[in-house]
Amino acid sequence: MALQLSQMNPKERFRDRAQDYANYRPTYPPNAIDCILNSLQDIAQPIAADVGAGTGISSRLLAERGIKVFAIEPNLAMQECAVPHPLVEFRNSSAEQTDLSNNSVDLIACFQSFHWFDPEPTLEEFDRILKPTGKLALVWNDRDVNGKDEFTREHGKIVANFANQHPAHSRLKEGDFRPLKLLIPNLTQQTFTHQKALNKESLVGLAMSTSYLPKEGVEHQKLVANLTELHDRYSDRKELVYLYYKTTVFLT
């Protein structure tokens, strides 16, 4: 895991990607949310901190299950693109300093975000705000680029080509979570699969939500052309293509 990503201005780097992030990023499969919430089944009214909440995709999924959620997100542009939910309260704070009270939450969840945090102060902060019986859930949605689906594999080649070996793209080697497990030894791991249907606009929009892919200039034009050709080659009668994902859930 490329923990040095915490030194690459993570609190601001999605500022110009926020609307695309809100519009086009995939959700998380219900069984992944079930896995997390089943660990809280003995708690009557759980309170969660969704740390690195972004535009609130995961916060709303938790809130829709009746969980009160503090959405910790330092990027105001991301906050402004969030769809409101009565059980979600955004806090303009960070993983390293959440500004939540001691022993105040039953669940800390990091969806697609933990790799952007400075691990040592973050885990100290998590230990401070988590109740003694609380749970930590670390979740990643990753395209199944080595799976059976040909479109997903071809899409992965395009993204890798334009990622230019950025650490955020290569943050996890396939199946290698050993650095994470050394950092937090008592993790259990479960993996779930799902797919996201995309038309031509949303296929490009998904790419534009990715911080390390070009958003302007010649390389951007080449990326859009590549994705457009890929869509035209694989789309079905509804003009949709389907990206396959693996969602990995780590729980303490």
C-alpha atoms as a PDB file:
ATOM      1  CA  MET A   1       0.000   0.000   0.000  1.00  0.00           C
ATOM      2  CA  ALA A   2       1.376   3.372  -1.020  1.00  0.00           C
ATOM      3  CA  LEU A   3       1.073   5.088   2.341  1.00  0.00           C
ATOM      4  CA  GLN A   4       3.131   8.003   0.995  1.00  0.00           C
ATOM      5  CA  LEU A   5      -0.061   9.186  -0.725  1.00  0.00           C
ATOM      6  CA  SER A   6      -0.734  11.174   2.455  1.00  0.00           C
ATOM      7  CA  GLN A   7       2.045  13.516   1.303  1.00  0.00           C
ATOM      8  CA  MET A   8       0.371  14.253  -2.062  1.00  0.00           C
ATOM      9  CA  ASN A   9      -2.076  16.939  -0.937  1.00  0.00           C
ATOM     10  CA  PRO A  10      -5.034  14.543  -0.514  1.00  0.00           C
ATOM     11  CA  LYS A  11      -7.251  17.162   1.166  1.00  0.00           C
ATOM     12  CA  GLU A  12      -7.344  19.353  -1.944  1.00  0.00           C
ATOM     13  CA  ARG A  13      -6.552  17.102  -4.895  1.00  0.00           C
ATOM     14  CA  PHE A  14     -10.199  16.226  -5.685  1.00  0.00           C
ATOM     15  CA  ARG A  15     -11.376  19.858  -5.669  1.00  0.00           C
ATOM     16  CA  ASP A  16     -11.798  19.989  -9.451  1.00  0.00           C
ATOM     17  CA  ARG A  17     -13.191  16.431  -9.573  1.00  0.00           C
ATOM     18  CA  ALA A  18     -15.956  16.754  -6.990  1.00  0.00           C
ATOM     19  CA  GLN A  19     -18.973  16.954  -9.294  1.00  0.00           C
ATOM     20  CA  ASP A  20     -17.761  14.083 -11.446  1.00  0.00           C
ATOM     21  CA  TYR A  21     -17.076  12.129  -8.251  1.00  0.00           C
ATOM     22  CA  ALA A  22     -20.646  12.700  -7.043  1.00  0.00           C
ATOM     23  CA  ASN A  23     -22.166  11.889 -10.420  1.00  0.00           C
ATOM     24  CA  TYR A  24     -20.174   8.905 -11.615  1.00  0.00           C
ATOM     25  CA  ARG A  25     -18.363   7.043  -8.848  1.00  0.00           C
ATOM     26  CA  PRO A  26     -19.764   3.542  -8.148  1.00  0.00           C
ATOM     27  CA  THR A  27     -21.745   2.729  -5.048  1.00  0.00           C
ATOM     28  CA  TYR A  28     -20.960  -0.230  -2.762  1.00  0.00           C
ATOM     29  CA  PRO A  29     -22.824  -3.559  -2.858  1.00  0.00           C
ATOM     30  CA  PRO A  30     -25.484  -4.168  -0.188  1.00  0.00           C
ATOM     31  CA  ASN A  31     -23.764  -7.317   1.089  1.00  0.00           C
ATOM     32  CA  ALA A  32     -20.622  -5.283   1.844  1.00  0.00           C
ATOM     33  CA  ILE A  33     -22.701  -2.887   3.951  1.00  0.00           C
ATOM     34  CA  ASP A  34     -24.401  -5.888   5.580  1.00  0.00           C
ATOM     35  CA  CYS A  35     -20.987  -7.277   6.502  1.00  0.00           C
ATOM     36  CA  ILE A  36     -20.066  -4.063   8.295  1.00  0.00           C
ATOM     37  CA  LEU A  37     -23.370  -3.564  10.076  1.00  0.00           C
ATOM     38  CA  ASN A  38     -23.592  -7.190  11.204  1.00  0.00           C
ATOM     39  CA  SER A  39     -20.566  -6.481  13.365  1.00  0.00           C
ATOM     40  CA  LEU A  40     -22.670  -3.853  15.190  1.00  0.00           C
ATOM     41  CA  GLN A  41     -25.756  -5.994  15.691  1.00  0.00           C
ATOM     42  CA  ASP A  42     -25.649  -5.758  19.507  1.00  0.00           C
ATOM     43  CA  ILE A  43     -25.710  -1.929  19.431  1.00  0.00           C
ATOM     44  CA  ALA A  44     -29.184  -0.367  19.532  1.00  0.00           C
ATOM     45  CA  GLN A  45     -28.469   2.983  17.834  1.00  0.00           C
ATOM     46  CA  PRO A  46     -24.989   2.947  16.340  1.00  0.00           C
ATOM     47  CA  ILE A  47     -23.074   6.145  15.593  1.00  0.00           C
ATOM     48  CA  ALA A  48     -20.528   6.085  12.782  1.00  0.00           C
ATOM     49  CA  ALA A  49     -17.714   8.292  11.552  1.00  0.00           C
ATOM     50  CA  ASP A  50     -17.285   8.014   7.789  1.00  0.00           C
ATOM     51  CA  VAL A  51     -13.742   9.324   7.459  1.00  0.00           C
ATOM     52  CA  GLY A  52     -12.757  10.729   4.094  1.00  0.00           C
ATOM     53  CA  ALA A  53     -16.432  10.761   3.187  1.00  0.00           C
ATOM     54  CA  GLY A  54     -15.987  12.617  -0.094  1.00  0.00           C
ATOM     55  CA  THR A  55     -19.389  13.405  -1.577  1.00  0.00           C
ATOM     56  CA  GLY A  56     -21.146  11.176   0.934  1.00  0.00           C
ATOM     57  CA  ILE A  57     -21.748   8.067  -1.190  1.00  0.00           C
ATOM     58  CA  SER A  58     -20.914   5.702   1.660  1.00  0.00           C
ATOM     59  CA  SER A  59     -22.334   7.998   4.340  1.00  0.00           C
ATOM     60  CA  ARG A  60     -25.771   7.825   2.735  1.00  0.00           C
ATOM     61  CA  LEU A  61     -25.575   4.033   2.427  1.00  0.00           C
ATOM     62  CA  LEU A  62     -24.997   3.799   6.182  1.00  0.00           C
ATOM     63  CA  ALA A  63     -27.643   6.424   6.953  1.00  0.00           C
ATOM     64  CA  GLU A  64     -30.208   4.577   4.844  1.00  0.00           C
ATOM     65  CA  ARG A  65     -29.794   1.689   7.303  1.00  0.00           C
ATOM     66  CA  GLY A  66     -30.644   3.985  10.223  1.00  0.00           C
ATOM     67  CA  ILE A  67     -27.080   4.825  11.284  1.00  0.00           C
ATOM     68  CA  LYS A  68     -26.251   8.325  12.501  1.00  0.00           C
ATOM     69  CA  VAL A  69     -23.173   9.349  10.500  1.00  0.00           C
ATOM     70  CA  PHE A  70     -20.556  12.030  11.034  1.00  0.00           C
ATOM     71  CA  ALA A  71     -19.081  12.526   7.556  1.00  0.00           C
ATOM     72  CA  ILE A  72     -15.476  13.654   8.038  1.00  0.00           C
ATOM     73  CA  GLU A  73     -14.336  15.494   4.905  1.00  0.00           C
ATOM     74  CA  PRO A  74     -11.825  18.377   4.684  1.00  0.00           C
ATOM     75  CA  ASN A  75     -12.521  19.167   1.015  1.00  0.00           C
ATOM     76  CA  LEU A  76     -15.315  21.754   0.834  1.00  0.00           C
ATOM     77  CA  ALA A  77     -15.881  21.151  -2.888  1.00  0.00           C
ATOM     78  CA  MET A  78     -16.652  17.503  -2.153  1.00  0.00           C
ATOM     79  CA  GLN A  79     -18.984  18.478   0.685  1.00  0.00           C
ATOM     80  CA  GLU A  80     -20.860  20.926  -1.540  1.00  0.00           C
ATOM     81  CA  CYS A  81     -21.611  18.157  -4.062  1.00  0.00           C
ATOM     82  CA  ALA A  82     -23.073  15.809  -1.455  1.00  0.00           C
ATOM     83  CA  VAL A  83     -26.766  14.888  -1.551  1.00  0.00           C
ATOM     84  CA  PRO A  84     -28.166  15.737   1.928  1.00  0.00           C
ATOM     85  CA  HIS A  85     -29.506  13.062   4.264  1.00  0.00           C
ATOM     86  CA  PRO A  86     -31.078  13.812   7.669  1.00  0.00           C
ATOM     87  CA  LEU A  87     -28.827  11.303   9.433  1.00  0.00           C
ATOM     88  CA  VAL A  88     -25.600  12.562   7.836  1.00  0.00           C
ATOM     89  CA  GLU A  89     -23.735  15.484   9.404  1.00  0.00           C
ATOM     90  CA  PHE A  90     -20.675  16.712   7.537  1.00  0.00           C
ATOM     91  CA  ARG A  91     -17.675  17.872   9.555  1.00  0.00           C
ATOM     92  CA  ASN A  92     -14.935  19.968   7.976  1.00  0.00           C
ATOM     93  CA  SER A  93     -12.128  17.974   9.584  1.00  0.00           C
ATOM     94  CA  SER A  94      -9.589  15.286   8.736  1.00  0.00           C
ATOM     95  CA  ALA A  95      -8.664  11.702   9.536  1.00  0.00           C
ATOM     96  CA  GLU A  96      -5.728  12.877  11.605  1.00  0.00           C
ATOM     97  CA  GLN A  97      -7.901  15.340  13.551  1.00  0.00           C
ATOM     98  CA  THR A  98     -11.613  14.535  13.353  1.00  0.00           C
ATOM     99  CA  ASP A  99     -12.681  16.938  16.141  1.00  0.00           C
ATOM    100  CA  LEU A 100     -15.039  14.266  17.469  1.00  0.00           C
ATOM    101  CA  SER A 101     -15.246  13.514  21.187  1.00  0.00           C
ATOM    102  CA  ASN A 102     -13.361  10.757  22.976  1.00  0.00           C
ATOM    103  CA  ASN A 103     -15.018   7.323  22.780  1.00  0.00           C
ATOM    104  CA  SER A 104     -17.932   8.765  20.809  1.00  0.00           C
ATOM    105  CA  VAL A 105     -18.468   6.428  17.839  1.00  0.00           C
ATOM    106  CA  ASP A 106     -19.339   2.748  17.440  1.00  0.00           C
ATOM    107  CA  LEU A 107     -17.978   2.486  13.912  1.00  0.00           C
ATOM    108  CA  ILE A 108     -15.205   4.176  11.966  1.00  0.00           C
ATOM    109  CA  ALA A 109     -15.559   3.526   8.247  1.00  0.00           C
ATOM    110  CA  CYS A 110     -13.101   4.506   5.533  1.00  0.00           C
ATOM    111  CA  PHE A 111     -14.485   3.884   2.049  1.00  0.00           C
ATOM    112  CA  GLN A 112     -11.885   4.314  -0.689  1.00  0.00           C
ATOM    113  CA  SER A 113      -9.981   6.723   1.543  1.00  0.00           C
ATOM    114  CA  PHE A 114      -7.596   5.152   4.070  1.00  0.00           C
ATOM    115  CA  HIS A 115      -4.667   5.100   1.619  1.00  0.00           C
ATOM    116  CA  TRP A 116      -4.751   8.943   1.561  1.00  0.00           C
ATOM    117  CA  PHE A 117      -4.240   9.265   5.327  1.00  0.00           C
ATOM    118  CA  ASP A 118      -1.057   9.606   7.350  1.00  0.00           C
ATOM    119  CA  PRO A 119      -1.349   6.216   9.098  1.00  0.00           C
ATOM    120  CA  GLU A 120       0.284   6.798  12.482  1.00  0.00           C
ATOM    121  CA  PRO A 121      -1.614   9.930  13.615  1.00  0.00           C
ATOM    122  CA  THR A 122      -4.768   8.604  11.949  1.00  0.00           C
ATOM    123  CA  LEU A 123      -4.778   5.373  13.927  1.00  0.00           C
ATOM    124  CA  GLU A 124      -4.052   7.307  17.117  1.00  0.00           C
ATOM    125  CA  GLU A 125      -7.055   9.504  16.377  1.00  0.00           C
ATOM    126  CA  PHE A 126      -9.225   6.483  15.580  1.00  0.00           C
ATOM    127  CA  ASP A 127      -8.252   4.906  18.897  1.00  0.00           C
ATOM    128  CA  ARG A 128      -9.261   8.121  20.668  1.00  0.00           C
ATOM    129  CA  ILE A 129     -12.747   8.512  19.145  1.00  0.00           C
ATOM    130  CA  LEU A 130     -13.734   4.834  18.950  1.00  0.00           C
ATOM    131  CA  LYS A 131     -15.643   3.273  21.826  1.00  0.00           C
ATOM    132  CA  PRO A 132     -13.918   0.293  23.473  1.00  0.00           C
ATOM    133  CA  THR A 133     -16.370  -2.084  21.767  1.00  0.00           C
ATOM    134  CA  GLY A 134     -16.275  -0.169  18.468  1.00  0.00           C
ATOM    135  CA  LYS A 135     -15.312  -1.443  15.023  1.00  0.00           C
ATOM    136  CA  LEU A 136     -13.063  -0.163  12.257  1.00  0.00           C
ATOM    137  CA  ALA A 137     -14.043  -0.902   8.643  1.00  0.00           C
ATOM    138  CA  LEU A 138     -11.697  -0.204   5.735  1.00  0.00           C
ATOM    139  CA  VAL A 139     -13.311  -0.630   2.331  1.00  0.00           C
ATOM    140  CA  TRP A 140     -12.012  -0.475  -1.234  1.00  0.00           C
ATOM    141  CA  ASN A 141     -13.867  -0.659  -4.535  1.00  0.00           C
ATOM    142  CA  ASP A 142     -11.390  -1.849  -7.171  1.00  0.00           C
ATOM    143  CA  ARG A 143     -12.054  -2.672 -10.794  1.00  0.00           C
ATOM    144  CA  ASP A 144     -11.568  -6.386 -11.384  1.00  0.00           C
ATOM    145  CA  VAL A 145      -8.904  -5.793 -14.023  1.00  0.00           C
ATOM    146  CA  ASN A 146      -7.599  -9.362 -13.808  1.00  0.00           C
ATOM    147  CA  GLY A 147     -11.005 -11.007 -13.831  1.00  0.00           C
ATOM    148  CA  LYS A 148     -12.961 -12.790 -16.543  1.00  0.00           C
ATOM    149  CA  ASP A 149     -14.742  -9.767 -18.013  1.00  0.00           C
ATOM    150  CA  GLU A 150     -13.018  -8.628 -21.198  1.00  0.00           C
ATOM    151  CA  PHE A 151     -14.358  -5.073 -21.163  1.00  0.00           C
ATOM    152  CA  THR A 152     -13.147  -4.503 -17.592  1.00  0.00           C
ATOM    153  CA  ARG A 153      -9.705  -5.813 -18.494  1.00  0.00           C
ATOM    154  CA  GLU A 154      -9.477  -3.564 -21.569  1.00  0.00           C
ATOM    155  CA  HIS A 155     -10.693  -0.575 -19.569  1.00  0.00           C
ATOM    156  CA  GLY A 156      -8.006  -1.298 -16.995  1.00  0.00           C
ATOM    157  CA  LYS A 157      -5.301  -1.194 -19.679  1.00  0.00           C
ATOM    158  CA  ILE A 158      -6.440   2.254 -20.819  1.00  0.00           C
ATOM    159  CA  VAL A 159      -6.502   3.618 -17.273  1.00  0.00           C
ATOM    160  CA  ALA A 160      -3.066   2.161 -16.512  1.00  0.00           C
ATOM    161  CA  ASN A 161      -1.644   3.715 -19.694  1.00  0.00           C
ATOM    162  CA  PHE A 162      -2.838   7.217 -18.800  1.00  0.00           C
ATOM    163  CA  ALA A 163      -2.135   6.864 -15.062  1.00  0.00           C
ATOM    164  CA  ASN A 164       1.577   7.184 -15.857  1.00  0.00           C
ATOM    165  CA  GLN A 165       2.545   4.962 -12.913  1.00  0.00           C
ATOM    166  CA  HIS A 166       0.953   7.314 -10.393  1.00  0.00           C
ATOM    167  CA  PRO A 167       1.165   5.885  -6.848  1.00  0.00           C
ATOM    168  CA  ALA A 168      -2.602   6.258  -6.373  1.00  0.00           C
ATOM    169  CA  HIS A 169      -3.145   3.888  -9.278  1.00  0.00           C
ATOM    170  CA  SER A 170      -0.601   1.336  -8.100  1.00  0.00           C
ATOM    171  CA  ARG A 171      -1.479   1.696  -4.389  1.00  0.00           C
ATOM    172  CA  LEU A 172      -2.338  -1.985  -4.103  1.00  0.00           C
ATOM    173  CA  LYS A 173      -0.697  -4.848  -5.889  1.00  0.00           C
ATOM    174  CA  GLU A 174      -3.239  -7.479  -6.873  1.00  0.00           C
ATOM    175  CA  GLY A 175      -4.264  -9.317  -3.732  1.00  0.00           C
ATOM    176  CA  ASP A 176      -1.373  -7.973  -1.672  1.00  0.00           C
ATOM    177  CA  PHE A 177      -2.764  -6.405   1.492  1.00  0.00           C
ATOM    178  CA  ARG A 178       0.187  -7.434   3.657  1.00  0.00           C
ATOM    179  CA  PRO A 179       1.334  -3.863   4.416  1.00  0.00           C
ATOM    180  CA  LEU A 180      -2.164  -3.025   5.676  1.00  0.00           C
ATOM    181  CA  LYS A 181      -2.315  -6.150   7.819  1.00  0.00           C
ATOM    182  CA  LEU A 182       1.094  -5.368   9.320  1.00  0.00           C
ATOM    183  CA  LEU A 183      -0.190  -1.918  10.204  1.00  0.00           C
ATOM    184  CA  ILE A 184      -3.440  -3.261  11.732  1.00  0.00           C
ATOM    185  CA  PRO A 185      -2.815  -6.938  12.607  1.00  0.00           C
ATOM    186  CA  ASN A 186      -6.302  -7.946  13.803  1.00  0.00           C
ATOM    187  CA  LEU A 187      -8.145  -7.408  10.515  1.00  0.00           C
ATOM    188  CA  THR A 188     -10.547  -9.873   8.952  1.00  0.00           C
ATOM    189  CA  GLN A 189     -11.119  -9.678   5.208  1.00  0.00           C
ATOM    190  CA  GLN A 190     -14.115 -10.348   2.962  1.00  0.00           C
ATOM    191  CA  THR A 191     -14.532  -9.648  -0.745  1.00  0.00           C
ATOM    192  CA  PHE A 192     -17.738  -8.992  -2.668  1.00  0.00           C
ATOM    193  CA  THR A 193     -18.396  -8.479  -6.372  1.00  0.00           C
ATOM    194  CA  HIS A 194     -20.685  -6.110  -8.239  1.00  0.00           C
ATOM    195  CA  GLN A 195     -20.939  -4.242 -11.519  1.00  0.00           C
ATOM    196  CA  LYS A 196     -21.666  -0.712 -12.671  1.00  0.00           C
ATOM    197  CA  ALA A 197     -23.569   0.021 -15.872  1.00  0.00           C
ATOM    198  CA  LEU A 198     -22.197   2.995 -17.822  1.00  0.00           C
ATOM    199  CA  ASN A 199     -23.232   4.876 -20.910  1.00  0.00           C
ATOM    200  CA  LYS A 200     -20.673   6.814 -22.940  1.00  0.00           C
ATOM    201  CA  GLU A 201     -21.020   9.985 -20.844  1.00  0.00           C
ATOM    202  CA  SER A 202     -20.691   8.217 -17.512  1.00  0.00           C
ATOM    203  CA  LEU A 203     -17.736   6.132 -18.708  1.00  0.00           C
ATOM    204  CA  VAL A 204     -15.831   9.345 -19.428  1.00  0.00           C
ATOM    205  CA  GLY A 205     -17.210  10.996 -16.283  1.00  0.00           C
ATOM    206  CA  LEU A 206     -15.930   8.137 -14.137  1.00  0.00           C
ATOM    207  CA  ALA A 207     -12.439   8.689 -15.542  1.00  0.00           C
ATOM    208  CA  MET A 208     -12.692  12.419 -14.836  1.00  0.00           C
ATOM    209  CA  SER A 209     -13.468  11.649 -11.177  1.00  0.00           C
ATOM    210  CA  THR A 210     -10.041  10.020 -10.867  1.00  0.00           C
ATOM    211  CA  SER A 211      -7.442  12.434  -9.551  1.00  0.00           C
ATOM    212  CA  TYR A 212      -4.464  11.072 -11.500  1.00  0.00           C
ATOM    213  CA  LEU A 213      -6.056  10.956 -14.981  1.00  0.00           C
ATOM    214  CA  PRO A 214      -5.673  13.972 -17.334  1.00  0.00           C
ATOM    215  CA  LYS A 215      -8.577  16.419 -17.246  1.00  0.00           C
ATOM    216  CA  GLU A 216      -7.414  18.749 -20.013  1.00  0.00           C
ATOM    217  CA  GLY A 217      -4.956  19.037 -22.890  1.00  0.00           C
ATOM    218  CA  VAL A 218      -3.814  16.557 -25.522  1.00  0.00           C
ATOM    219  CA  GLU A 219      -3.580  13.592 -23.137  1.00  0.00           C
ATOM    220  CA  HIS A 220      -7.140  14.238 -21.960  1.00  0.00           C
ATOM    221  CA  GLN A 221      -8.358  14.228 -25.560  1.00  0.00           C
ATOM    222  CA  LYS A 222      -6.548  10.939 -26.214  1.00  0.00           C
ATOM    223  CA  LEU A 223      -8.058   9.408 -23.056  1.00  0.00           C
ATOM    224  CA  VAL A 224     -11.582  10.429 -24.074  1.00  0.00           C
ATOM    225  CA  ALA A 225     -11.028   9.077 -27.584  1.00  0.00           C
ATOM    226  CA  ASN A 226      -9.802   5.749 -26.188  1.00  0.00           C
ATOM    227  CA  LEU A 227     -12.756   5.420 -23.823  1.00  0.00           C
ATOM    228  CA  THR A 228     -15.225   6.386 -26.544  1.00  0.00           C
ATOM    229  CA  GLU A 229     -13.822   3.740 -28.894  1.00  0.00           C
ATOM    230  CA  LEU A 230     -13.920   1.163 -26.100  1.00  0.00           C
ATOM    231  CA  HIS A 231     -17.541   2.001 -25.338  1.00  0.00           C
ATOM    232  CA  ASP A 232     -18.529   1.748 -29.001  1.00  0.00           C
ATOM    233  CA  ARG A 233     -16.817  -1.628 -29.271  1.00  0.00           C
ATOM    234  CA  TYR A 234     -18.439  -3.230 -26.224  1.00  0.00           C
ATOM    235  CA  SER A 235     -21.789  -1.473 -25.657  1.00  0.00           C
ATOM    236  CA  ASP A 236     -25.015  -3.481 -25.764  1.00  0.00           C
ATOM    237  CA  ARG A 237     -28.362  -2.607 -27.339  1.00  0.00           C
ATOM    238  CA  LYS A 238     -29.027  -0.132 -24.548  1.00  0.00           C
ATOM    239  CA  GLU A 239     -25.669   1.520 -25.315  1.00  0.00           C
ATOM    240  CA  LEU A 240     -24.333   0.424 -21.940  1.00  0.00           C
ATOM    241  CA  VAL A 241     -21.092  -1.181 -20.875  1.00  0.00           C
ATOM    242  CA  TYR A 242     -20.440  -2.882 -17.538  1.00  0.00           C
ATOM    243  CA  LEU A 243     -17.458  -2.480 -15.236  1.00  0.00           C
ATOM    244  CA  TYR A 244     -16.921  -5.307 -12.784  1.00  0.00           C
ATOM    245  CA  TYR A 245     -15.683  -4.476  -9.294  1.00  0.00           C
ATOM    246  CA  LYS A 246     -14.281  -6.305  -6.297  1.00  0.00           C
ATOM    247  CA  THR A 247     -15.216  -4.665  -2.995  1.00  0.00           C
ATOM    248  CA  THR A 248     -12.855  -5.638  -0.191  1.00  0.00           C
ATOM    249  CA  VAL A 249     -13.980  -5.080   3.403  1.00  0.00           C
ATOM    250  CA  PHE A 250     -11.502  -5.199   6.275  1.00  0.00           C
ATOM    251  CA  LEU A 251     -12.917  -5.274   9.807  1.00  0.00           C
ATOM    252  CA  THR A 252     -11.400  -5.245  13.269  1.00  0.00           C
END
